[in-house]
C-alpha atoms as a PDB file:
ATOM      1  CA  MET A   1      91.116 166.181  86.115  1.00  0.00           C
ATOM      2  CA  TYR A   2      87.556 165.543  85.040  1.00  0.00           C
ATOM      3  CA  SER A   3      84.162 166.778  86.139  1.00  0.00           C
ATOM      4  CA  ILE A   4      81.325 164.305  86.626  1.00  0.00           C
ATOM      5  CA  ALA A   5      79.836 165.438  83.289  1.00  0.00           C
ATOM      6  CA  GLU A   6      83.126 164.709  81.511  1.00  0.00           C
ATOM      7  CA  VAL A   7      83.401 161.281  83.152  1.00  0.00           C
ATOM      8  CA  SER A   8      79.837 160.564  82.098  1.00  0.00           C
ATOM      9  CA  LYS A   9      80.513 161.585  78.501  1.00  0.00           C
ATOM     10  CA  ILE A  10      83.779 159.601  78.226  1.00  0.00           C
ATOM     11  CA  THR A  11      82.527 156.413  79.901  1.00  0.00           C
ATOM     12  CA  GLY A  12      78.901 156.403  78.807  1.00  0.00           C
ATOM     13  CA  LEU A  13      77.796 156.129  82.435  1.00  0.00           C
ATOM     14  CA  THR A  14      75.054 158.377  83.722  1.00  0.00           C
ATOM     15  CA  THR A  15      76.013 160.911  86.368  1.00  0.00           C
ATOM     16  CA  ASP A  16      73.752 159.014  88.784  1.00  0.00           C
ATOM     17  CA  THR A  17      75.733 155.821  88.117  1.00  0.00           C
ATOM     18  CA  VAL A  18      79.033 157.638  88.658  1.00  0.00           C
ATOM     19  CA  ARG A  19      77.732 158.937  92.007  1.00  0.00           C
ATOM     20  CA  TYR A  20      76.411 155.480  92.921  1.00  0.00           C
ATOM     21  CA  TYR A  21      79.766 153.810  92.234  1.00  0.00           C
ATOM     22  CA  GLU A  22      81.402 156.451  94.406  1.00  0.00           C
ATOM     23  CA  LYS A  23      78.787 155.942  97.150  1.00  0.00           C
ATOM     24  CA  ILE A  24      79.322 152.158  97.298  1.00  0.00           C
ATOM     25  CA  ASP A  25      83.105 152.636  97.476  1.00  0.00           C
ATOM     26  CA  LEU A  26      84.089 151.195  94.106  1.00  0.00           C
ATOM     27  CA  LEU A  27      86.574 154.055  93.927  1.00  0.00           C
ATOM     28  CA  PRO A  28      88.951 155.499  96.470  1.00  0.00           C
ATOM     29  CA  PRO A  29      87.757 158.744  98.067  1.00  0.00           C
ATOM     30  CA  ILE A  30      87.218 161.355  95.358  1.00  0.00           C
ATOM     31  CA  ARG A  31      88.794 164.797  95.561  1.00  0.00           C
ATOM     32  CA  ARG A  32      86.427 167.733  95.697  1.00  0.00           C
ATOM     33  CA  LYS A  33      86.570 171.352  94.651  1.00  0.00           C
ATOM     34  CA  THR A  34      85.932 174.020  97.254  1.00  0.00           C
ATOM     35  CA  ASN A  35      82.309 174.149  96.047  1.00  0.00           C
ATOM     36  CA  GLY A  36      81.927 170.422  96.836  1.00  0.00           C
ATOM     37  CA  HIS A  37      81.881 169.191  93.235  1.00  0.00           C
ATOM     38  CA  SER A  38      83.770 165.965  92.597  1.00  0.00           C
ATOM     39  CA  ILE A  39      87.018 165.979  90.634  1.00  0.00           C
ATOM     40  CA  TYR A  40      87.999 162.687  88.986  1.00  0.00           C
ATOM     41  CA  SER A  41      91.555 161.701  88.063  1.00  0.00           C
ATOM     42  CA  ASP A  42      92.857 159.675  85.117  1.00  0.00           C
ATOM     43  CA  THR A  43      93.076 156.710  87.497  1.00  0.00           C
ATOM     44  CA  ASP A  44      89.418 157.164  88.470  1.00  0.00           C
ATOM     45  CA  LEU A  45      88.486 157.326  84.796  1.00  0.00           C
ATOM     46  CA  GLN A  46      90.381 154.081  84.121  1.00  0.00           C
ATOM     47  CA  THR A  47      88.560 152.476  87.052  1.00  0.00           C
ATOM     48  CA  PHE A  48      85.185 153.444  85.576  1.00  0.00           C
ATOM     49  CA  LEU A  49      86.230 151.982  82.216  1.00  0.00           C
ATOM     50  CA  LEU A  50      87.392 148.762  83.914  1.00  0.00           C
ATOM     51  CA  ILE A  51      84.073 148.479  85.755  1.00  0.00           C
ATOM     52  CA  ASN A  52      82.243 148.923  82.426  1.00  0.00           C
ATOM     53  CA  CYS A  53      84.369 146.229  80.823  1.00  0.00           C
ATOM     54  CA  LEU A  54      83.864 143.734  83.653  1.00  0.00           C
ATOM     55  CA  LYS A  55      80.121 144.452  83.804  1.00  0.00           C
ATOM     56  CA  LYS A  56      79.846 143.658  80.095  1.00  0.00           C
ATOM     57  CA  THR A  57      81.184 140.189  80.875  1.00  0.00           C
ATOM     58  CA  GLY A  58      78.312 139.646  83.297  1.00  0.00           C
ATOM     59  CA  LEU A  59      80.138 140.179  86.582  1.00  0.00           C
ATOM     60  CA  SER A  60      78.135 141.895  89.303  1.00  0.00           C
ATOM     61  CA  LEU A  61      79.441 144.936  91.158  1.00  0.00           C
ATOM     62  CA  VAL A  62      80.002 142.718  94.205  1.00  0.00           C
ATOM     63  CA  GLU A  63      82.169 140.405  92.080  1.00  0.00           C
ATOM     64  CA  ILE A  64      83.985 143.338  90.473  1.00  0.00           C
ATOM     65  CA  LYS A  65      84.919 145.121  93.706  1.00  0.00           C
ATOM     66  CA  PRO A  66      87.838 142.826  94.717  1.00  0.00           C
ATOM     67  CA  PHE A  67      89.511 143.370  91.336  1.00  0.00           C
ATOM     68  CA  LEU A  68      89.500 147.119  91.795  1.00  0.00           C
ATOM     69  CA  SER A  69      91.864 146.875  94.748  1.00  0.00           C
ATOM     70  CA  LEU A  70      94.493 145.196  92.562  1.00  0.00           C
ATOM     71  CA  SER A  71      96.942 147.313  90.642  1.00  0.00           C
ATOM     72  CA  MET A  72      97.822 146.566  87.023  1.00  0.00           C
ATOM     73  CA  ASP A  73     101.210 145.175  88.072  1.00  0.00           C
ATOM     74  CA  THR A  74      99.713 142.792  90.651  1.00  0.00           C
ATOM     75  CA  ASN A  75     100.335 139.126  89.920  1.00  0.00           C
ATOM     76  CA  ILE A  76      96.875 137.532  89.852  1.00  0.00           C
ATOM     77  CA  GLU A  77      98.454 134.226  90.927  1.00  0.00           C
ATOM     78  CA  ASP A  78      99.023 135.828  94.335  1.00  0.00           C
ATOM     79  CA  HIS A  79      95.215 135.929  94.691  1.00  0.00           C
ATOM     80  CA  PRO A  80      94.031 132.358  93.976  1.00  0.00           C
ATOM     81  CA  GLU A  81      90.385 133.043  94.847  1.00  0.00           C
ATOM     82  CA  LEU A  82      90.198 135.899  92.340  1.00  0.00           C
ATOM     83  CA  GLU A  83      92.151 133.916  89.765  1.00  0.00           C
ATOM     84  CA  ALA A  84      89.694 131.007  90.086  1.00  0.00           C
ATOM     85  CA  MET A  85      86.694 133.313  89.844  1.00  0.00           C
ATOM     86  CA  ILE A  86      87.937 135.094  86.719  1.00  0.00           C
ATOM     87  CA  SER A  87      89.030 131.803  85.143  1.00  0.00           C
ATOM     88  CA  ASN A  88      85.576 130.300  85.694  1.00  0.00           C
ATOM     89  CA  HIS A  89      83.968 133.437  84.370  1.00  0.00           C
ATOM     90  CA  LYS A  90      86.241 133.364  81.299  1.00  0.00           C
ATOM     91  CA  ASN A  91      85.175 129.770  80.608  1.00  0.00           C
ATOM     92  CA  HIS A  92      81.528 130.809  80.929  1.00  0.00           C
ATOM     93  CA  ILE A  93      82.040 133.656  78.445  1.00  0.00           C
ATOM     94  CA  GLU A  94      83.789 131.324  75.993  1.00  0.00           C
ATOM     95  CA  HIS A  95      80.795 128.962  76.218  1.00  0.00           C
ATOM     96  CA  GLN A  96      78.402 131.870  75.588  1.00  0.00           C
ATOM     97  CA  ILE A  97      80.445 132.919  72.555  1.00  0.00           C
ATOM     98  CA  ALA A  98      80.319 129.358  71.174  1.00  0.00           C
ATOM     99  CA  GLU A  99      76.538 129.254  71.644  1.00  0.00           C
ATOM    100  CA  LEU A 100      76.111 132.636  69.971  1.00  0.00           C
ATOM    101  CA  GLN A 101      78.291 131.472  67.076  1.00  0.00           C
ATOM    102  CA  LYS A 102      75.881 128.555  66.573  1.00  0.00           C
ATOM    103  CA  VAL A 103      73.007 131.040  66.404  1.00  0.00           C
ATOM    104  CA  LEU A 104      74.884 133.144  63.851  1.00  0.00           C
ATOM    105  CA  ASP A 105      75.660 130.047  61.782  1.00  0.00           C
ATOM    106  CA  PHE A 106      71.977 129.082  61.802  1.00  0.00           C
ATOM    107  CA  ILE A 107      70.923 132.571  60.737  1.00  0.00           C
ATOM    108  CA  GLU A 108      73.446 132.584  57.898  1.00  0.00           C
ATOM    109  CA  VAL A 109      72.197 129.201  56.658  1.00  0.00           C
ATOM    110  CA  PHE A 110      68.588 130.330  56.968  1.00  0.00           C
ATOM    111  CA  PHE A 111      69.147 133.482  54.939  1.00  0.00           C
ATOM    112  CA  SER A 112      71.313 131.772  52.342  1.00  0.00           C
ATOM    113  CA  LYS A 113      68.499 129.237  51.731  1.00  0.00           C
ATOM    114  CA  LYS A 114      65.926 132.029  51.645  1.00  0.00           C
ATOM    115  CA  ASN A 115      67.952 133.947  49.064  1.00  0.00           C
ATOM    116  CA  THR A 116      68.334 130.842  46.862  1.00  0.00           C
ATOM    117  CA  GLY A 117      64.614 130.136  46.918  1.00  0.00           C
ATOM    118  CA  GLU A 118      64.817 127.142  49.242  1.00  0.00           C
ATOM    119  CA  HIS A 119      62.145 127.327  51.923  1.00  0.00           C
ATOM    120  CA  CYS A 120      61.002 125.122  54.732  1.00  0.00           C
ATOM    121  CA  HIS A 121      57.457 123.902  54.197  1.00  0.00           C
ATOM    122  CA  THR A 122      55.160 122.231  56.665  1.00  0.00           C
ATOM    123  CA  GLN A 123      53.016 119.320  55.577  1.00  0.00           C
ATOM    124  CA  ASN A 124      49.811 120.673  57.086  1.00  0.00           C
ATOM    125  CA  GLN A 125      49.454 124.170  55.734  1.00  0.00           C
ATOM    126  CA  SER A 126      46.027 125.668  56.187  1.00  0.00           C
ATOM    127  CA  ALA A 127      44.736 128.336  53.845  1.00  0.00           C
END
């Protein structure tokens, strides 16, 4: 079992974010100590980590919420609307990666030319 501070440290989420996710029902009801403090389980911790992962792909919390109701052994094919959404999102991410790779390639070429003394010059340079 984990305190909110431990969840925050492990996941990198602020305690306010942990409380917010709980408030908007991204997690099942959280157990509480007799003093009212939340106690988070390993499953809750895994849910926070999954939310982090999906957020990094650009999904909103609204888009993430349906995935949280699925268990790890759920066949995604039984949920065609979610399968289509994640497939489209995967394609979008792959496109973003390809575009970022082009940027990296450009930067590498730029710096390799700079290091070899080749520079781009404009015709109309003013002094």
